[in-house]
Amino acid sequence: MTARIIDGKAIAAELRHKVAAEATRLNAAHGVVPGLAVVLVGASPASEVYVRSKSKAVAETGMRPFDHKLPETASEAELLTLIGRLNADPAVSGILVQLPLPPQIDAHKVIAALDPDKDVDGFHPLNAGRLARGLPGLVPCTPFGCIILAKTVHASLAGMDAVVVGRSNIVGKPVAQLLLVEDATVTIAHSKTRDLAAVCRRADLLVAAVGRPEFVRADWIKPGATVIDVGINRIAGKDGKPRIVGDVAADAAAIAGALTPVPGGVGPMTIACLMLNTLRAACLQRSLPPPDIGC
């Protein structure tokens, strides 16, 4: 058996097309053009590439990009002042502060300073609380993308035994909350879990989000299970050149029923869900019905 490959690029492209159509409708009906402000502090090459890809996606979906770049030496006060201006700007529907931040800036304080209704990353404590309580709100993009990918394999996740490996605030915890919303039976596993392999092996749906290359072995996977690999890890290949691998070993494809590739799986969905969150935020701020995207 060879796993069905879940094509994140194609699924993300379809979602972005739907977002673009809804953004056009929103502008025609209400004169609203959603805008996303992306804030980058410092000059990390990886972060700069990621920010450019986000801004390109914003423009392609008919929304307005507002990019703000501060020097590596920027103070916490400078960043908080900028966030205050963006919170007050009606042209800005969503604000994303690229992480990590330099050591002189407290990321928790920065996230807490965001207007929760503009927090398109879904990291603000109020949005985390809304998710935990099952209330409407902006949810983290990568976990949201994981759910959409899983539902391209299973029309319903209700009653499935789902195991999430990883308990970060960015992916592990929120994806577990979203799985509960879908009525899955959820286990969060981590480095202190006893017999982690056995816990993973019982999962109908396994989400790997530990940030360790090929950590989840093929013999940890239940035959026919759906595997969502969130990891993006750079390692040295046999030829000495760097290559990108996930948190799940490559030979898992011989065991799983369906599997997201790395790259080309969860990554494209993160940006597509960011576009959707920006559109939703624009509607939320104007008390308009949420966009009819179907997810």
C-alpha atoms as a PDB file:
ATOM      1  CA  MET A   1       0.000   0.000   0.000  1.00  0.00           C
ATOM      2  CA  THR A   2       1.196   3.497  -0.824  1.00  0.00           C
ATOM      3  CA  ALA A   3      -0.374   6.475   0.914  1.00  0.00           C
ATOM      4  CA  ARG A   4      -2.534   8.933  -0.958  1.00  0.00           C
ATOM      5  CA  ILE A   5      -0.578  12.189  -1.090  1.00  0.00           C
ATOM      6  CA  ILE A   6      -2.662  15.110   0.149  1.00  0.00           C
ATOM      7  CA  ASP A   7      -1.789  17.908  -2.284  1.00  0.00           C
ATOM      8  CA  GLY A   8      -1.570  20.979  -0.075  1.00  0.00           C
ATOM      9  CA  LYS A   9      -0.545  23.202  -2.990  1.00  0.00           C
ATOM     10  CA  ALA A  10      -3.668  22.393  -4.997  1.00  0.00           C
ATOM     11  CA  ILE A  11      -6.001  22.623  -1.999  1.00  0.00           C
ATOM     12  CA  ALA A  12      -4.452  25.948  -0.946  1.00  0.00           C
ATOM     13  CA  ALA A  13      -4.754  27.315  -4.492  1.00  0.00           C
ATOM     14  CA  GLU A  14      -8.455  26.457  -4.507  1.00  0.00           C
ATOM     15  CA  LEU A  15      -8.966  28.161  -1.135  1.00  0.00           C
ATOM     16  CA  ARG A  16      -7.115  31.285  -2.276  1.00  0.00           C
ATOM     17  CA  HIS A  17      -9.320  31.384  -5.397  1.00  0.00           C
ATOM     18  CA  LYS A  18     -12.431  31.308  -3.180  1.00  0.00           C
ATOM     19  CA  VAL A  19     -10.991  34.053  -0.963  1.00  0.00           C
ATOM     20  CA  ALA A  20     -10.287  36.215  -4.019  1.00  0.00           C
ATOM     21  CA  ALA A  21     -13.864  35.754  -5.248  1.00  0.00           C
ATOM     22  CA  GLU A  22     -15.285  36.698  -1.834  1.00  0.00           C
ATOM     23  CA  ALA A  23     -12.947  39.701  -1.582  1.00  0.00           C
ATOM     24  CA  THR A  24     -14.238  40.912  -4.966  1.00  0.00           C
ATOM     25  CA  ARG A  25     -17.833  40.446  -3.813  1.00  0.00           C
ATOM     26  CA  LEU A  26     -17.129  42.283  -0.532  1.00  0.00           C
ATOM     27  CA  ASN A  27     -15.687  45.246  -2.423  1.00  0.00           C
ATOM     28  CA  ALA A  28     -18.569  45.345  -4.901  1.00  0.00           C
ATOM     29  CA  ALA A  29     -21.283  45.046  -2.249  1.00  0.00           C
ATOM     30  CA  HIS A  30     -19.804  47.137   0.554  1.00  0.00           C
ATOM     31  CA  GLY A  31     -16.820  49.051  -0.845  1.00  0.00           C
ATOM     32  CA  VAL A  32     -14.500  47.152   1.501  1.00  0.00           C
ATOM     33  CA  VAL A  33     -10.990  46.070   0.463  1.00  0.00           C
ATOM     34  CA  PRO A  34      -9.393  43.957   3.216  1.00  0.00           C
ATOM     35  CA  GLY A  35      -5.843  44.911   4.135  1.00  0.00           C
ATOM     36  CA  LEU A  36      -3.107  42.898   5.853  1.00  0.00           C
ATOM     37  CA  ALA A  37      -0.240  44.583   7.705  1.00  0.00           C
ATOM     38  CA  VAL A  38       2.819  42.363   8.115  1.00  0.00           C
ATOM     39  CA  VAL A  39       5.446  43.612  10.569  1.00  0.00           C
ATOM     40  CA  LEU A  40       9.018  42.332  10.326  1.00  0.00           C
ATOM     41  CA  VAL A  41      11.654  43.281  12.903  1.00  0.00           C
ATOM     42  CA  GLY A  42      15.216  42.610  11.770  1.00  0.00           C
ATOM     43  CA  ALA A  43      16.611  41.036   8.606  1.00  0.00           C
ATOM     44  CA  SER A  44      16.263  37.260   8.928  1.00  0.00           C
ATOM     45  CA  PRO A  45      16.541  35.910   5.342  1.00  0.00           C
ATOM     46  CA  ALA A  46      13.997  33.164   6.038  1.00  0.00           C
ATOM     47  CA  SER A  47      11.521  35.633   7.538  1.00  0.00           C
ATOM     48  CA  GLU A  48      11.998  38.077   4.656  1.00  0.00           C
ATOM     49  CA  VAL A  49      11.190  35.349   2.115  1.00  0.00           C
ATOM     50  CA  TYR A  50       8.120  34.348   4.110  1.00  0.00           C
ATOM     51  CA  VAL A  51       6.916  37.948   4.388  1.00  0.00           C
ATOM     52  CA  ARG A  52       7.312  38.464   0.640  1.00  0.00           C
ATOM     53  CA  SER A  53       5.282  35.341  -0.074  1.00  0.00           C
ATOM     54  CA  LYS A  54       2.519  36.563   2.250  1.00  0.00           C
ATOM     55  CA  SER A  55       2.412  40.005   0.638  1.00  0.00           C
ATOM     56  CA  LYS A  56       2.285  38.446  -2.837  1.00  0.00           C
ATOM     57  CA  ALA A  57      -0.618  36.225  -1.769  1.00  0.00           C
ATOM     58  CA  VAL A  58      -2.472  39.236  -0.341  1.00  0.00           C
ATOM     59  CA  ALA A  59      -2.201  41.115  -3.650  1.00  0.00           C
ATOM     60  CA  GLU A  60      -3.199  38.040  -5.679  1.00  0.00           C
ATOM     61  CA  THR A  61      -6.408  37.664  -3.660  1.00  0.00           C
ATOM     62  CA  GLY A  62      -7.438  41.260  -4.287  1.00  0.00           C
ATOM     63  CA  MET A  63      -6.509  42.600  -0.865  1.00  0.00           C
ATOM     64  CA  ARG A  64      -4.075  45.320   0.174  1.00  0.00           C
ATOM     65  CA  PRO A  65      -0.648  44.504   1.626  1.00  0.00           C
ATOM     66  CA  PHE A  66       0.844  46.904   4.167  1.00  0.00           C
ATOM     67  CA  ASP A  67       4.426  45.885   4.925  1.00  0.00           C
ATOM     68  CA  HIS A  68       6.334  47.404   7.835  1.00  0.00           C
ATOM     69  CA  LYS A  69       9.997  46.666   8.465  1.00  0.00           C
ATOM     70  CA  LEU A  70      11.795  47.755  11.633  1.00  0.00           C
ATOM     71  CA  PRO A  71      15.541  47.392  12.283  1.00  0.00           C
ATOM     72  CA  GLU A  72      16.926  44.591  14.441  1.00  0.00           C
ATOM     73  CA  THR A  73      17.684  47.235  17.097  1.00  0.00           C
ATOM     74  CA  ALA A  74      14.090  48.486  17.303  1.00  0.00           C
ATOM     75  CA  SER A  75      12.815  48.840  20.845  1.00  0.00           C
ATOM     76  CA  GLU A  76       9.738  47.208  22.282  1.00  0.00           C
ATOM     77  CA  ALA A  77       8.182  50.661  22.665  1.00  0.00           C
ATOM     78  CA  GLU A  78       8.695  51.403  18.953  1.00  0.00           C
ATOM     79  CA  LEU A  79       6.992  48.174  17.950  1.00  0.00           C
ATOM     80  CA  LEU A  80       4.095  48.723  20.360  1.00  0.00           C
ATOM     81  CA  THR A  81       3.618  52.258  18.984  1.00  0.00           C
ATOM     82  CA  LEU A  82       3.408  50.860  15.454  1.00  0.00           C
ATOM     83  CA  ILE A  83       0.879  48.244  16.549  1.00  0.00           C
ATOM     84  CA  GLY A  84      -1.217  50.964  18.170  1.00  0.00           C
ATOM     85  CA  ARG A  85      -1.311  52.853  14.860  1.00  0.00           C
ATOM     86  CA  LEU A  86      -2.266  49.712  12.928  1.00  0.00           C
ATOM     87  CA  ASN A  87      -4.985  48.849  15.459  1.00  0.00           C
ATOM     88  CA  ALA A  88      -6.520  52.288  14.843  1.00  0.00           C
ATOM     89  CA  ASP A  89      -6.188  52.247  11.031  1.00  0.00           C
ATOM     90  CA  PRO A  90      -9.519  51.254   9.398  1.00  0.00           C
ATOM     91  CA  ALA A  91      -7.710  50.258   6.176  1.00  0.00           C
ATOM     92  CA  VAL A  92      -5.893  47.508   8.092  1.00  0.00           C
ATOM     93  CA  SER A  93      -8.112  44.462   8.595  1.00  0.00           C
ATOM     94  CA  GLY A  94      -5.420  42.140   9.910  1.00  0.00           C
ATOM     95  CA  ILE A  95      -2.057  42.473  11.637  1.00  0.00           C
ATOM     96  CA  LEU A  96       0.646  39.830  11.635  1.00  0.00           C
ATOM     97  CA  VAL A  97       3.887  40.292  13.558  1.00  0.00           C
ATOM     98  CA  GLN A  98       6.516  37.950  12.154  1.00  0.00           C
ATOM     99  CA  LEU A  99       8.078  35.757  14.845  1.00  0.00           C
ATOM    100  CA  PRO A 100      10.614  35.285  16.333  1.00  0.00           C
ATOM    101  CA  LEU A 101      11.324  38.778  17.614  1.00  0.00           C
ATOM    102  CA  PRO A 102      14.716  40.090  18.785  1.00  0.00           C
ATOM    103  CA  PRO A 103      15.549  39.401  22.454  1.00  0.00           C
ATOM    104  CA  GLN A 104      14.880  42.971  23.617  1.00  0.00           C
ATOM    105  CA  ILE A 105      11.196  42.597  22.682  1.00  0.00           C
ATOM    106  CA  ASP A 106       8.697  40.556  24.715  1.00  0.00           C
ATOM    107  CA  ALA A 107       6.645  38.640  22.142  1.00  0.00           C
ATOM    108  CA  HIS A 108       3.864  37.946  24.671  1.00  0.00           C
ATOM    109  CA  LYS A 109       3.432  41.656  25.326  1.00  0.00           C
ATOM    110  CA  VAL A 110       3.381  42.413  21.608  1.00  0.00           C
ATOM    111  CA  ILE A 111       0.747  39.767  20.843  1.00  0.00           C
ATOM    112  CA  ALA A 112      -1.392  40.987  23.748  1.00  0.00           C
ATOM    113  CA  ALA A 113      -1.241  44.530  22.334  1.00  0.00           C
ATOM    114  CA  LEU A 114      -2.938  43.495  19.077  1.00  0.00           C
ATOM    115  CA  ASP A 115      -6.612  44.238  18.545  1.00  0.00           C
ATOM    116  CA  PRO A 116      -8.026  40.677  18.903  1.00  0.00           C
ATOM    117  CA  ASP A 117     -10.305  41.280  15.911  1.00  0.00           C
ATOM    118  CA  LYS A 118      -7.227  42.054  13.783  1.00  0.00           C
ATOM    119  CA  ASP A 119      -5.125  39.187  15.157  1.00  0.00           C
ATOM    120  CA  VAL A 120      -5.047  37.067  11.992  1.00  0.00           C
ATOM    121  CA  ASP A 121      -2.464  34.707  13.521  1.00  0.00           C
ATOM    122  CA  GLY A 122      -4.997  33.812  16.214  1.00  0.00           C
ATOM    123  CA  PHE A 123      -2.402  34.071  18.994  1.00  0.00           C
ATOM    124  CA  HIS A 124      -4.003  36.771  21.177  1.00  0.00           C
ATOM    125  CA  PRO A 125      -5.076  35.402  24.600  1.00  0.00           C
ATOM    126  CA  LEU A 126      -8.682  36.424  23.888  1.00  0.00           C
ATOM    127  CA  ASN A 127      -8.722  34.438  20.628  1.00  0.00           C
ATOM    128  CA  ALA A 128      -7.096  31.473  22.375  1.00  0.00           C
ATOM    129  CA  GLY A 129      -9.850  31.679  24.994  1.00  0.00           C
ATOM    130  CA  ARG A 130     -12.552  31.903  22.345  1.00  0.00           C
ATOM    131  CA  LEU A 131     -11.185  28.758  20.706  1.00  0.00           C
ATOM    132  CA  ALA A 132     -11.015  26.918  24.037  1.00  0.00           C
ATOM    133  CA  ARG A 133     -14.628  27.853  24.799  1.00  0.00           C
ATOM    134  CA  GLY A 134     -15.853  26.973  21.296  1.00  0.00           C
ATOM    135  CA  LEU A 135     -16.756  30.591  20.516  1.00  0.00           C
ATOM    136  CA  PRO A 136     -16.341  32.279  17.102  1.00  0.00           C
ATOM    137  CA  GLY A 137     -13.010  33.992  16.588  1.00  0.00           C
ATOM    138  CA  LEU A 138      -9.822  34.082  14.546  1.00  0.00           C
ATOM    139  CA  VAL A 139      -7.920  30.797  14.849  1.00  0.00           C
ATOM    140  CA  PRO A 140      -4.235  30.047  14.149  1.00  0.00           C
ATOM    141  CA  CYS A 141      -3.604  29.514  10.453  1.00  0.00           C
ATOM    142  CA  THR A 142      -1.500  26.337  10.491  1.00  0.00           C
ATOM    143  CA  PRO A 143      -3.901  24.361  12.729  1.00  0.00           C
ATOM    144  CA  PHE A 144      -6.841  25.599  10.652  1.00  0.00           C
ATOM    145  CA  GLY A 145      -5.050  24.388   7.523  1.00  0.00           C
ATOM    146  CA  CYS A 146      -4.459  20.979   9.125  1.00  0.00           C
ATOM    147  CA  ILE A 147      -8.192  20.537   9.695  1.00  0.00           C
ATOM    148  CA  ILE A 148      -9.033  21.516   6.118  1.00  0.00           C
ATOM    149  CA  LEU A 149      -6.468  19.024   4.778  1.00  0.00           C
ATOM    150  CA  ALA A 150      -7.780  16.226   6.988  1.00  0.00           C
ATOM    151  CA  LYS A 151     -11.332  16.914   5.808  1.00  0.00           C
ATOM    152  CA  THR A 152     -10.307  16.450   2.173  1.00  0.00           C
ATOM    153  CA  VAL A 153      -9.745  12.798   3.138  1.00  0.00           C
ATOM    154  CA  HIS A 154     -12.597  12.374   5.643  1.00  0.00           C
ATOM    155  CA  ALA A 155     -15.888  14.181   5.115  1.00  0.00           C
ATOM    156  CA  SER A 156     -16.353  14.037   8.897  1.00  0.00           C
ATOM    157  CA  LEU A 157     -13.763  13.741  11.666  1.00  0.00           C
ATOM    158  CA  ALA A 158     -16.436  12.905  14.253  1.00  0.00           C
ATOM    159  CA  GLY A 159     -15.559   9.924  16.418  1.00  0.00           C
ATOM    160  CA  MET A 160     -12.075   9.524  14.967  1.00  0.00           C
ATOM    161  CA  ASP A 161      -9.221   8.728  17.324  1.00  0.00           C
ATOM    162  CA  ALA A 162      -6.901  11.704  16.761  1.00  0.00           C
ATOM    163  CA  VAL A 163      -3.421  12.011  18.233  1.00  0.00           C
ATOM    164  CA  VAL A 164      -1.494  15.289  18.175  1.00  0.00           C
ATOM    165  CA  VAL A 165       2.237  14.952  18.776  1.00  0.00           C
ATOM    166  CA  GLY A 166       3.375  18.313  20.136  1.00  0.00           C
ATOM    167  CA  ARG A 167       1.837  20.760  22.621  1.00  0.00           C
ATOM    168  CA  SER A 168       2.969  24.191  21.401  1.00  0.00           C
ATOM    169  CA  ASN A 169       0.678  27.192  21.635  1.00  0.00           C
ATOM    170  CA  ILE A 170       1.210  27.766  17.907  1.00  0.00           C
ATOM    171  CA  VAL A 171       0.153  24.345  16.567  1.00  0.00           C
ATOM    172  CA  GLY A 172      -0.297  21.506  19.068  1.00  0.00           C
ATOM    173  CA  LYS A 173      -2.819  22.995  21.482  1.00  0.00           C
ATOM    174  CA  PRO A 174      -4.961  24.869  18.935  1.00  0.00           C
ATOM    175  CA  VAL A 175      -5.135  21.945  16.486  1.00  0.00           C
ATOM    176  CA  ALA A 176      -6.300  19.753  19.374  1.00  0.00           C
ATOM    177  CA  GLN A 177      -9.018  22.310  20.184  1.00  0.00           C
ATOM    178  CA  LEU A 178     -10.121  22.420  16.540  1.00  0.00           C
ATOM    179  CA  LEU A 179     -10.266  18.625  16.422  1.00  0.00           C
ATOM    180  CA  LEU A 180     -12.543  18.704  19.473  1.00  0.00           C
ATOM    181  CA  VAL A 181     -14.791  21.145  17.617  1.00  0.00           C
ATOM    182  CA  GLU A 182     -14.962  18.503  14.862  1.00  0.00           C
ATOM    183  CA  ASP A 183     -16.041  15.909  17.492  1.00  0.00           C
ATOM    184  CA  ALA A 184     -12.859  13.837  17.247  1.00  0.00           C
ATOM    185  CA  THR A 185     -11.535  12.021  20.316  1.00  0.00           C
ATOM    186  CA  VAL A 186      -8.240  13.791  20.953  1.00  0.00           C
ATOM    187  CA  THR A 187      -5.000  12.857  22.692  1.00  0.00           C
ATOM    188  CA  ILE A 188      -2.139  15.355  22.986  1.00  0.00           C
ATOM    189  CA  ALA A 189       1.182  13.501  23.166  1.00  0.00           C
ATOM    190  CA  HIS A 190       4.601  14.997  23.871  1.00  0.00           C
ATOM    191  CA  SER A 191       8.138  14.264  25.024  1.00  0.00           C
ATOM    192  CA  LYS A 192       6.976  13.022  28.429  1.00  0.00           C
ATOM    193  CA  THR A 193       4.308  10.669  27.046  1.00  0.00           C
ATOM    194  CA  ARG A 194       4.855   7.059  28.105  1.00  0.00           C
ATOM    195  CA  ASP A 195       5.231   4.662  25.157  1.00  0.00           C
ATOM    196  CA  LEU A 196       4.733   7.412  22.599  1.00  0.00           C
ATOM    197  CA  ALA A 197       4.938   4.935  19.720  1.00  0.00           C
ATOM    198  CA  ALA A 198       1.979   2.944  21.071  1.00  0.00           C
ATOM    199  CA  VAL A 199      -0.075   6.117  21.559  1.00  0.00           C
ATOM    200  CA  CYS A 200       0.589   7.171  17.956  1.00  0.00           C
ATOM    201  CA  ARG A 201      -0.140   3.685  16.660  1.00  0.00           C
ATOM    202  CA  ARG A 202      -3.778   3.827  17.776  1.00  0.00           C
ATOM    203  CA  ALA A 203      -4.538   7.040  15.873  1.00  0.00           C
ATOM    204  CA  ASP A 204      -6.912   7.143  12.926  1.00  0.00           C
ATOM    205  CA  LEU A 205      -5.637  10.692  12.413  1.00  0.00           C
ATOM    206  CA  LEU A 206      -2.095  11.627  13.441  1.00  0.00           C
ATOM    207  CA  VAL A 207      -0.867  15.235  13.497  1.00  0.00           C
ATOM    208  CA  ALA A 208       2.918  15.510  13.897  1.00  0.00           C
ATOM    209  CA  ALA A 209       4.033  18.943  15.135  1.00  0.00           C
ATOM    210  CA  VAL A 210       7.220  18.481  17.170  1.00  0.00           C
ATOM    211  CA  GLY A 211       9.802  20.269  15.004  1.00  0.00           C
ATOM    212  CA  ARG A 212      12.176  17.298  14.975  1.00  0.00           C
ATOM    213  CA  PRO A 213      13.212  15.783  11.638  1.00  0.00           C
ATOM    214  CA  GLU A 214      11.637  12.403  10.875  1.00  0.00           C
ATOM    215  CA  PHE A 215      10.831  11.933  14.556  1.00  0.00           C
ATOM    216  CA  VAL A 216       7.686   9.873  13.950  1.00  0.00           C
ATOM    217  CA  ARG A 217       8.739   6.480  12.595  1.00  0.00           C
ATOM    218  CA  ALA A 218       6.793   4.387  10.099  1.00  0.00           C
ATOM    219  CA  ASP A 219       6.125   1.653  12.677  1.00  0.00           C
ATOM    220  CA  TRP A 220       4.419   4.235  14.922  1.00  0.00           C
ATOM    221  CA  ILE A 221       1.624   4.618  12.371  1.00  0.00           C
ATOM    222  CA  LYS A 222      -1.588   2.622  12.261  1.00  0.00           C
ATOM    223  CA  PRO A 223      -2.012   1.035   8.812  1.00  0.00           C
ATOM    224  CA  GLY A 224      -4.332   3.194   6.738  1.00  0.00           C
ATOM    225  CA  ALA A 225      -4.197   6.204   9.097  1.00  0.00           C
ATOM    226  CA  THR A 226      -4.265   9.786   7.860  1.00  0.00           C
ATOM    227  CA  VAL A 227      -1.058  11.638   8.740  1.00  0.00           C
ATOM    228  CA  ILE A 228      -0.743  15.436   8.777  1.00  0.00           C
ATOM    229  CA  ASP A 229       2.951  16.365   8.924  1.00  0.00           C
ATOM    230  CA  VAL A 230       3.408  19.936  10.161  1.00  0.00           C
ATOM    231  CA  GLY A 231       7.210  19.785  10.428  1.00  0.00           C
ATOM    232  CA  ILE A 232       9.555  21.747   8.178  1.00  0.00           C
ATOM    233  CA  ASN A 233      13.134  20.806   9.076  1.00  0.00           C
ATOM    234  CA  ARG A 234      16.321  21.552   7.155  1.00  0.00           C
ATOM    235  CA  ILE A 235      18.913  18.773   7.303  1.00  0.00           C
ATOM    236  CA  ALA A 236      22.026  17.795   5.356  1.00  0.00           C
ATOM    237  CA  GLY A 237      21.405  15.325   2.554  1.00  0.00           C
ATOM    238  CA  LYS A 238      23.702  12.455   1.567  1.00  0.00           C
ATOM    239  CA  ASP A 239      25.328  14.747  -1.009  1.00  0.00           C
ATOM    240  CA  GLY A 240      25.974  17.369   1.653  1.00  0.00           C
ATOM    241  CA  LYS A 241      23.328  19.713   0.274  1.00  0.00           C
ATOM    242  CA  PRO A 242      20.517  20.808   2.597  1.00  0.00           C
ATOM    243  CA  ARG A 243      17.089  19.259   2.148  1.00  0.00           C
ATOM    244  CA  ILE A 244      13.720  19.801   3.754  1.00  0.00           C
ATOM    245  CA  VAL A 245      12.053  16.973   5.662  1.00  0.00           C
ATOM    246  CA  GLY A 246       9.017  16.735   7.893  1.00  0.00           C
ATOM    247  CA  ASP A 247       8.489  15.387  11.402  1.00  0.00           C
ATOM    248  CA  VAL A 248       7.431  12.041   9.911  1.00  0.00           C
ATOM    249  CA  ALA A 249       9.854   9.536   8.379  1.00  0.00           C
ATOM    250  CA  ALA A 250       9.653   9.218   4.605  1.00  0.00           C
ATOM    251  CA  ASP A 251       8.915   5.485   4.696  1.00  0.00           C
ATOM    252  CA  ALA A 252       5.627   6.224   6.507  1.00  0.00           C
ATOM    253  CA  ALA A 253       4.087   6.516   3.040  1.00  0.00           C
ATOM    254  CA  ALA A 254       4.134   2.721   2.849  1.00  0.00           C
ATOM    255  CA  ILE A 255       1.926   2.444   5.968  1.00  0.00           C
ATOM    256  CA  ALA A 256      -0.358   5.478   6.043  1.00  0.00           C
ATOM    257  CA  GLY A 257      -3.579   5.702   4.079  1.00  0.00           C
ATOM    258  CA  ALA A 258      -3.104   9.412   3.348  1.00  0.00           C
ATOM    259  CA  LEU A 259      -0.160  11.710   4.050  1.00  0.00           C
ATOM    260  CA  THR A 260       0.779  15.367   3.593  1.00  0.00           C
ATOM    261  CA  PRO A 261       4.116  15.849   1.811  1.00  0.00           C
ATOM    262  CA  VAL A 262       6.919  18.116   3.014  1.00  0.00           C
ATOM    263  CA  PRO A 263       7.231  20.532   1.351  1.00  0.00           C
ATOM    264  CA  GLY A 264       3.921  21.062  -0.409  1.00  0.00           C
ATOM    265  CA  GLY A 265       1.503  19.993   2.312  1.00  0.00           C
ATOM    266  CA  VAL A 266       0.710  22.104   5.362  1.00  0.00           C
ATOM    267  CA  GLY A 267       2.951  25.045   4.358  1.00  0.00           C
ATOM    268  CA  PRO A 268       0.846  26.376   1.466  1.00  0.00           C
ATOM    269  CA  MET A 269      -2.288  25.975   3.583  1.00  0.00           C
ATOM    270  CA  THR A 270      -0.898  28.268   6.279  1.00  0.00           C
ATOM    271  CA  ILE A 271      -0.707  31.198   3.868  1.00  0.00           C
ATOM    272  CA  ALA A 272      -4.092  30.398   2.305  1.00  0.00           C
ATOM    273  CA  CYS A 273      -5.695  30.354   5.770  1.00  0.00           C
ATOM    274  CA  LEU A 274      -3.997  33.660   6.565  1.00  0.00           C
ATOM    275  CA  MET A 275      -5.757  35.149   3.536  1.00  0.00           C
ATOM    276  CA  LEU A 276      -9.064  33.705   4.744  1.00  0.00           C
ATOM    277  CA  ASN A 277      -8.514  35.085   8.257  1.00  0.00           C
ATOM    278  CA  THR A 278      -7.817  38.550   6.808  1.00  0.00           C
ATOM    279  CA  LEU A 279     -11.072  38.396   4.857  1.00  0.00           C
ATOM    280  CA  ARG A 280     -12.967  37.181   7.935  1.00  0.00           C
ATOM    281  CA  ALA A 281     -11.434  39.948  10.047  1.00  0.00           C
ATOM    282  CA  ALA A 282     -12.590  42.597   7.565  1.00  0.00           C
ATOM    283  CA  CYS A 283     -16.148  41.270   7.816  1.00  0.00           C
ATOM    284  CA  LEU A 284     -15.986  40.960  11.607  1.00  0.00           C
ATOM    285  CA  GLN A 285     -14.891  44.564  12.072  1.00  0.00           C
ATOM    286  CA  ARG A 286     -17.842  45.819  10.037  1.00  0.00           C
ATOM    287  CA  SER A 287     -20.459  43.467  11.536  1.00  0.00           C
ATOM    288  CA  LEU A 288     -20.912  41.810   8.142  1.00  0.00           C
ATOM    289  CA  PRO A 289     -21.729  38.110   7.690  1.00  0.00           C
ATOM    290  CA  PRO A 290     -18.623  35.896   7.508  1.00  0.00           C
ATOM    291  CA  PRO A 291     -17.419  35.017   4.001  1.00  0.00           C
ATOM    292  CA  ASP A 292     -19.114  32.017   2.408  1.00  0.00           C
ATOM    293  CA  ILE A 293     -16.041  29.864   1.751  1.00  0.00           C
ATOM    294  CA  GLY A 294     -17.321  26.472   2.838  1.00  0.00           C
ATOM    295  CA  CYS A 295     -14.721  25.753   5.538  1.00  0.00           C
END
